[in-house]
Amino acid sequence: MNILVTGGAGYIGSVATEELIRAGHDVVAYDNLLYGHRDAVHSTAHFEEGDLSDKGRLADVFEAFDFDAVMHFAAHSIVPFSMRAPLPFVRDNVTNAINLLEMMAAHEVNRFILSSTANVYGDPQRIPIAEDDALAPSSPYGESKLMIEKMLHWCEVRYGLRYASLRYFNAAGASDQFGEDHDPETHLIPLVLKVALGERDHLDIYGDDYPTRDGTCVRDYIHVVDLAQAHVLALQGLDDKSCVYNLGNGQGFTVQEVVAAAREITGRPVPAEIAPRRPGDPATLVASSDRIRRELGWKPRYPDLHDIIESAWRWHHAHPSGYAQ
């Protein structure tokens, strides 16, 4: 297939592109490089710089290539930012997705994979979370993704779109070639490793009074390569039906446990200080990925937290300045 990957220069988009190419697909990576990096685009992918808000640029790309499918990763995704500025945050995410879907309809591209989020569940009523649990986003970020998911349903009704909405929990780790390099960095594992590398003097732990085993938030970490491979499988699964899948390992780790594992793997000190809670952070997010395992045969190859952190450490140790070096 010929596949458009929006956000193809970003963390997850770059690894998804890598896995798509490994599976024999052709990829056009579309990115405005606001959060992404040109060096994160796979060498055999075709790169097109552009913004999803620019309908003319988007039309040029759709007219130049005969796409079979779209994987949509491009979005604002930092939860605290969405809490501070909900209107522009939601506007950009939803409007840009509409622009993309309109372009797909106009060019009769009818396969779509959405990078969604576990944030659509908000503070879950049960753990592990299943796909049919109540949807109550705890942030404008989660709300924006849920709005897009609802639009996909109507695009299926009106245009015959086949879609998969993949609700991630915490993507982490690195492939041999591509890793995580955000500015600003807000994800726990790379922040911990930056402290180990001496780039930060300490780690802030946001809250130690949650109802968890050590008072810090529990999250379900999934290796970015496993995540990317799930996207490839979901694309193949669109032959049968549209679908919604949770992606996670089914087990959770506290912030303190992640820090302890990083200290063990790096052999370096990681000073940590307790800071106030952040708005929009549920105490526990752990996924049930039974549905995608059962329907598509997906099975994480790297479910162990130490393996995930070790792969990230190798990449960060080799790229201490990220893609800037």
Protein backbone atom coordinates (compact mmCIF):
# COMPACT_ATOMS: atom_id res chain seq x y z
CA MET A 1 0.00 0.00 0.00
CA ASN A 2 0.92 3.65 -0.40
CA ILE A 3 0.35 5.21 3.02
CA LEU A 4 0.31 8.82 4.23
CA VAL A 5 1.70 9.12 7.76
CA THR A 6 0.88 12.48 9.33
CA GLY A 7 3.35 13.34 12.06
CA GLY A 8 5.82 11.03 10.34
CA ALA A 9 8.78 12.99 11.74
CA GLY A 10 7.53 12.57 15.31
CA TYR A 11 8.33 9.95 17.93
CA ILE A 12 5.62 7.37 17.25
CA GLY A 13 5.16 8.35 13.61
CA SER A 14 8.83 7.72 12.84
CA VAL A 15 8.76 4.21 14.31
CA ALA A 16 5.42 3.44 12.66
CA THR A 17 6.95 4.49 9.34
CA GLU A 18 9.89 2.18 10.03
CA GLU A 19 7.56 -0.75 10.67
CA LEU A 20 5.38 0.01 7.64
CA ILE A 21 8.44 0.02 5.39
CA ARG A 22 9.64 -3.20 6.98
CA ALA A 23 6.23 -4.71 6.14
CA GLY A 24 6.64 -3.74 2.47
CA HIS A 25 4.54 -0.56 2.30
CA ASP A 26 5.45 2.76 0.68
CA VAL A 27 5.24 5.77 3.00
CA VAL A 28 4.85 9.51 2.54
CA ALA A 29 5.66 11.25 5.83
CA TYR A 30 3.83 14.58 6.23
CA ASP A 31 4.97 16.84 9.06
CA ASN A 32 5.25 20.55 9.84
CA LEU A 33 8.37 19.89 11.98
CA LEU A 34 6.88 21.84 14.89
CA TYR A 35 7.38 18.83 17.16
CA GLY A 36 9.06 16.43 14.74
CA HIS A 37 12.58 16.19 13.33
CA ARG A 38 13.65 15.86 9.72
CA ASP A 39 16.30 13.31 10.77
CA ALA A 40 13.57 11.13 12.28
CA VAL A 41 12.09 10.43 8.85
CA HIS A 42 13.07 7.00 7.54
CA SER A 43 15.59 7.22 4.70
CA THR A 44 13.34 5.35 2.25
CA ALA A 45 10.17 7.29 3.09
CA HIS A 46 9.20 10.28 0.97
CA PHE A 47 9.00 13.44 3.10
CA GLU A 48 6.57 16.29 2.53
CA GLU A 49 6.77 19.30 4.84
CA GLY A 50 3.41 20.88 5.53
CA ASP A 51 0.73 21.71 8.07
CA LEU A 52 -2.68 20.06 8.21
CA SER A 53 -4.23 23.52 8.59
CA ASP A 54 -2.98 24.38 5.10
CA LYS A 55 -5.66 22.90 2.86
CA GLY A 56 -3.86 23.94 -0.33
CA ARG A 57 -0.65 22.17 0.70
CA LEU A 58 -2.60 19.12 1.77
CA ALA A 59 -4.46 19.05 -1.55
CA ASP A 60 -1.17 19.21 -3.45
CA VAL A 61 0.11 16.15 -1.58
CA PHE A 62 -3.09 14.16 -2.13
CA GLU A 63 -3.03 15.02 -5.83
CA ALA A 64 0.65 14.04 -6.18
CA PHE A 65 0.25 10.60 -4.57
CA ASP A 66 -2.33 7.86 -4.92
CA PHE A 67 -2.85 6.97 -1.27
CA ASP A 68 -4.44 3.73 -0.12
CA ALA A 69 -4.56 4.65 3.58
CA VAL A 70 -3.73 7.31 6.16
CA MET A 71 -2.18 6.95 9.61
CA HIS A 72 -2.84 10.09 11.64
CA PHE A 73 -0.32 10.88 14.39
CA ALA A 74 -0.02 14.67 13.98
CA ALA A 75 -1.60 16.47 16.96
CA HIS A 76 -0.99 18.58 20.02
CA SER A 77 -0.70 16.01 22.81
CA ILE A 78 0.58 17.63 26.02
CA VAL A 79 -2.19 17.33 28.60
CA PRO A 80 -1.10 20.25 30.87
CA PHE A 81 -0.99 22.56 27.84
CA SER A 82 -4.53 21.51 26.93
CA MET A 83 -5.69 22.38 30.46
CA ARG A 84 -4.16 25.87 30.20
CA ALA A 85 -5.44 26.68 26.70
CA PRO A 86 -8.34 24.35 25.90
CA LEU A 87 -9.93 26.31 23.05
CA PRO A 88 -6.94 26.63 20.67
CA PHE A 89 -5.76 23.14 21.63
CA VAL A 90 -9.05 21.44 20.75
CA ARG A 91 -9.59 23.71 17.72
CA ASP A 92 -6.29 22.73 16.13
CA ASN A 93 -6.59 19.00 16.77
CA VAL A 94 -10.19 18.70 15.60
CA THR A 95 -10.04 21.14 12.68
CA ASN A 96 -6.86 19.60 11.31
CA ALA A 97 -8.39 16.13 11.51
CA ILE A 98 -11.46 17.40 9.63
CA ASN A 99 -9.23 18.88 6.93
CA LEU A 100 -7.52 15.52 6.56
CA LEU A 101 -10.76 13.54 6.47
CA GLU A 102 -12.28 15.92 3.92
CA MET A 103 -9.25 15.47 1.70
CA MET A 104 -9.53 11.70 2.04
CA ALA A 105 -13.20 11.79 1.07
CA ALA A 106 -12.48 13.99 -1.94
CA HIS A 107 -9.80 11.56 -3.16
CA GLU A 108 -11.70 8.39 -2.18
CA VAL A 109 -9.11 7.20 0.33
CA ASN A 110 -11.10 4.99 2.67
CA ARG A 111 -8.69 3.51 5.23
CA PHE A 112 -7.75 5.49 8.32
CA ILE A 113 -5.79 4.71 11.50
CA LEU A 114 -6.18 7.20 14.35
CA SER A 115 -3.61 7.66 17.08
CA SER A 116 -6.07 8.11 19.94
CA THR A 117 -5.52 8.08 23.69
CA ALA A 118 -6.43 6.42 26.96
CA ASN A 119 -7.33 9.91 28.16
CA VAL A 120 -10.76 9.41 26.56
CA TYR A 121 -11.64 7.28 29.61
CA GLY A 122 -10.73 9.97 32.12
CA ASP A 123 -10.60 8.59 35.65
CA PRO A 124 -11.65 5.00 34.88
CA GLN A 125 -14.30 3.15 36.84
CA ARG A 126 -12.39 -0.14 36.69
CA ILE A 127 -8.92 -1.47 35.97
CA PRO A 128 -7.94 -2.80 33.50
CA ILE A 129 -9.90 -0.57 31.15
CA ALA A 130 -11.85 -2.18 28.31
CA GLU A 131 -12.87 -0.52 25.05
CA ASP A 132 -16.56 -0.42 25.97
CA ASP A 133 -16.00 1.32 29.33
CA ALA A 134 -17.46 4.78 29.90
CA LEU A 135 -15.88 7.64 27.95
CA ALA A 136 -15.34 10.72 30.10
CA PRO A 137 -12.16 12.58 29.06
CA SER A 138 -10.25 14.20 31.90
CA SER A 139 -8.64 16.87 29.73
CA PRO A 140 -9.28 18.90 26.56
CA TYR A 141 -6.64 16.71 24.91
CA GLY A 142 -8.74 13.60 25.53
CA GLU A 143 -11.86 15.48 24.49
CA SER A 144 -10.28 16.42 21.16
CA LYS A 145 -9.46 12.79 20.41
CA LEU A 146 -12.96 11.65 21.36
CA MET A 147 -14.45 14.27 19.04
CA ILE A 148 -12.34 12.88 16.20
CA GLU A 149 -13.40 9.32 17.03
CA LYS A 150 -17.05 10.36 16.83
CA MET A 151 -16.46 11.97 13.44
CA LEU A 152 -14.93 8.74 12.15
CA HIS A 153 -18.20 6.97 12.77
CA TRP A 154 -20.08 9.47 10.62
CA CYS A 155 -17.41 9.33 7.93
CA GLU A 156 -18.00 5.59 7.81
CA VAL A 157 -21.76 6.13 7.52
CA ARG A 158 -21.50 8.79 4.82
CA TYR A 159 -18.30 7.96 2.90
CA GLY A 160 -17.68 4.28 3.58
CA LEU A 161 -14.52 5.00 5.58
CA ARG A 162 -12.95 2.02 7.34
CA TYR A 163 -11.10 3.13 10.46
CA ALA A 164 -9.25 1.88 13.50
CA SER A 165 -9.02 4.04 16.59
CA LEU A 166 -6.05 2.95 18.72
CA ARG A 167 -6.18 4.17 22.30
CA TYR A 168 -2.67 4.23 23.70
CA PHE A 169 -1.52 4.36 27.20
CA ASN A 170 2.16 5.33 27.66
CA ALA A 171 4.40 4.84 24.63
CA ALA A 172 8.04 4.45 25.63
CA GLY A 173 11.36 3.00 24.55
CA ALA A 174 13.10 3.26 21.19
CA SER A 175 13.82 1.30 18.06
CA ASP A 176 17.43 0.84 16.99
CA GLN A 177 17.17 3.93 14.81
CA PHE A 178 14.50 6.23 16.25
CA GLY A 179 13.80 7.53 19.75
CA GLU A 180 11.96 10.14 21.77
CA ASP A 181 13.05 13.77 21.44
CA HIS A 182 10.45 16.36 22.46
CA ASP A 183 10.82 20.04 23.28
CA PRO A 184 9.55 20.49 25.87
CA GLU A 185 9.86 16.93 27.14
CA THR A 186 6.96 15.89 29.38
CA HIS A 187 7.12 12.07 29.29
CA LEU A 188 8.41 10.27 32.34
CA ILE A 189 11.00 7.83 30.96
CA PRO A 190 12.97 10.33 28.82
CA LEU A 191 12.86 12.83 31.70
CA VAL A 192 14.28 10.23 34.07
CA LEU A 193 17.03 9.42 31.56
CA LYS A 194 17.87 13.10 31.10
CA VAL A 195 18.50 13.26 34.85
CA ALA A 196 20.71 10.16 34.59
CA LEU A 197 22.64 11.84 31.75
CA GLY A 198 23.17 14.96 33.84
CA GLU A 199 21.02 17.15 31.56
CA ARG A 200 18.59 17.86 34.43
CA ASP A 201 19.43 18.10 38.10
CA HIS A 202 16.36 16.23 39.34
CA LEU A 203 13.01 14.70 38.39
CA ASP A 204 9.72 16.21 39.54
CA ILE A 205 7.19 13.60 40.65
CA TYR A 206 3.74 15.16 40.41
CA GLY A 207 1.92 13.96 43.49
CA ASP A 208 2.61 11.19 46.01
CA ASP A 209 -0.85 11.03 47.59
CA TYR A 210 -2.73 9.06 44.93
CA PRO A 211 -4.60 5.88 45.99
CA THR A 212 -1.84 3.60 44.63
CA ARG A 213 0.69 1.27 46.23
CA ASP A 214 3.29 4.02 46.80
CA GLY A 215 1.17 7.14 46.27
CA THR A 216 2.45 7.93 42.78
CA CYS A 217 0.52 7.51 39.53
CA VAL A 218 0.34 4.08 37.88
CA ARG A 219 0.70 3.83 34.11
CA ASP A 220 0.76 1.01 31.57
CA TYR A 221 3.92 1.40 29.47
CA ILE A 222 4.04 0.00 25.94
CA HIS A 223 7.17 -0.27 23.82
CA VAL A 224 6.96 2.04 20.82
CA VAL A 225 7.91 -0.80 18.45
CA ASP A 226 5.04 -2.94 19.79
CA LEU A 227 2.78 0.07 19.33
CA ALA A 228 3.92 0.58 15.74
CA GLN A 229 3.41 -3.08 14.92
CA ALA A 230 -0.14 -2.84 16.26
CA HIS A 231 -0.78 -0.06 13.74
CA VAL A 232 0.40 -2.30 10.90
CA LEU A 233 -1.89 -5.10 12.09
CA ALA A 234 -4.82 -2.70 12.48
CA LEU A 235 -4.33 -1.55 8.90
CA GLN A 236 -4.61 -5.14 7.72
CA GLY A 237 -7.65 -5.65 9.95
CA LEU A 238 -9.58 -2.96 8.10
CA ASP A 239 -10.29 -5.56 5.41
CA ASP A 240 -12.98 -6.86 7.78
CA LYS A 241 -14.40 -3.92 9.74
CA SER A 242 -13.79 -0.66 11.55
CA CYS A 243 -12.61 -1.13 15.10
CA VAL A 244 -11.47 0.42 18.38
CA TYR A 245 -8.58 -1.10 20.28
CA ASN A 246 -6.77 -0.37 23.52
CA LEU A 247 -3.01 -0.82 23.40
CA GLY A 248 -1.06 -1.62 26.52
CA ASN A 249 0.73 -4.34 28.39
CA GLY A 250 -2.05 -4.98 30.88
CA GLN A 251 0.16 -4.21 33.84
CA GLY A 252 0.98 -0.91 35.48
CA PHE A 253 4.01 0.60 37.15
CA THR A 254 4.19 3.55 39.52
CA VAL A 255 6.38 6.57 38.89
CA GLN A 256 8.61 5.48 41.76
CA GLU A 257 9.01 2.01 40.21
CA VAL A 258 10.03 3.53 36.87
CA VAL A 259 12.62 5.69 38.63
CA ALA A 260 13.99 2.71 40.53
CA ALA A 261 14.27 0.67 37.32
CA ALA A 262 16.07 3.53 35.57
CA ARG A 263 18.57 3.81 38.40
CA GLU A 264 19.26 0.09 38.14
CA ILE A 265 19.63 0.10 34.33
CA THR A 266 21.77 3.24 34.05
CA GLY A 267 23.79 2.70 37.20
CA ARG A 268 23.47 6.42 37.85
CA PRO A 269 21.71 8.49 40.50
CA VAL A 270 18.31 9.96 39.65
CA PRO A 271 17.40 12.58 42.28
CA ALA A 272 13.64 13.06 42.54
CA GLU A 273 11.48 15.65 44.29
CA ILE A 274 7.76 15.57 45.02
CA ALA A 275 5.79 18.35 43.29
CA PRO A 276 2.07 19.21 43.32
CA ARG A 277 -0.32 17.10 41.29
CA ARG A 278 -1.00 18.12 37.68
CA PRO A 279 -4.61 18.76 36.64
CA GLY A 280 -6.03 15.98 34.46
CA ASP A 281 -3.84 13.12 35.74
CA PRO A 282 -5.89 10.04 36.78
CA ALA A 283 -4.37 7.89 39.53
CA THR A 284 -4.22 4.69 37.46
CA LEU A 285 -4.40 3.89 33.76
CA VAL A 286 -3.93 0.26 32.79
CA ALA A 287 -5.33 -1.20 29.58
CA SER A 288 -6.97 -4.45 28.72
CA SER A 289 -5.66 -5.25 25.25
CA ASP A 290 -7.57 -8.54 25.08
CA ARG A 291 -9.60 -7.43 22.07
CA ILE A 292 -6.66 -6.70 19.74
CA ARG A 293 -4.85 -9.80 20.95
CA ARG A 294 -7.90 -11.93 20.21
CA GLU A 295 -8.98 -10.34 16.91
CA LEU A 296 -5.63 -9.49 15.31
CA GLY A 297 -3.19 -11.74 17.15
CA TRP A 298 -1.18 -8.81 18.48
CA LYS A 299 1.27 -9.69 21.23
CA PRO A 300 3.82 -7.25 22.68
CA ARG A 301 7.38 -8.43 22.11
CA TYR A 302 8.79 -6.14 24.80
CA PRO A 303 6.36 -6.18 27.74
CA ASP A 304 9.03 -5.94 30.44
CA LEU A 305 9.58 -2.45 31.89
CA HIS A 306 13.33 -3.01 32.08
CA ASP A 307 13.49 -3.88 28.37
CA ILE A 308 11.54 -0.73 27.52
CA ILE A 309 13.78 1.53 29.61
CA GLU A 310 16.92 -0.22 28.40
CA SER A 311 16.05 0.47 24.75
CA ALA A 312 15.36 4.12 25.55
CA TRP A 313 18.63 4.37 27.49
CA ARG A 314 20.63 3.00 24.55
CA TRP A 315 19.10 5.59 22.23
CA HIS A 316 19.47 8.54 24.62
CA HIS A 317 23.00 7.52 25.54
CA ALA A 318 23.91 7.47 21.84
CA HIS A 319 21.97 10.71 21.14
CA PRO A 320 22.39 12.86 24.28
CA SER A 321 21.23 15.94 22.36
CA GLY A 322 18.49 14.06 20.53
CA TYR A 323 18.27 14.66 16.80
CA ALA A 324 20.08 18.00 17.16
CA GLN A 325 23.53 16.40 17.09
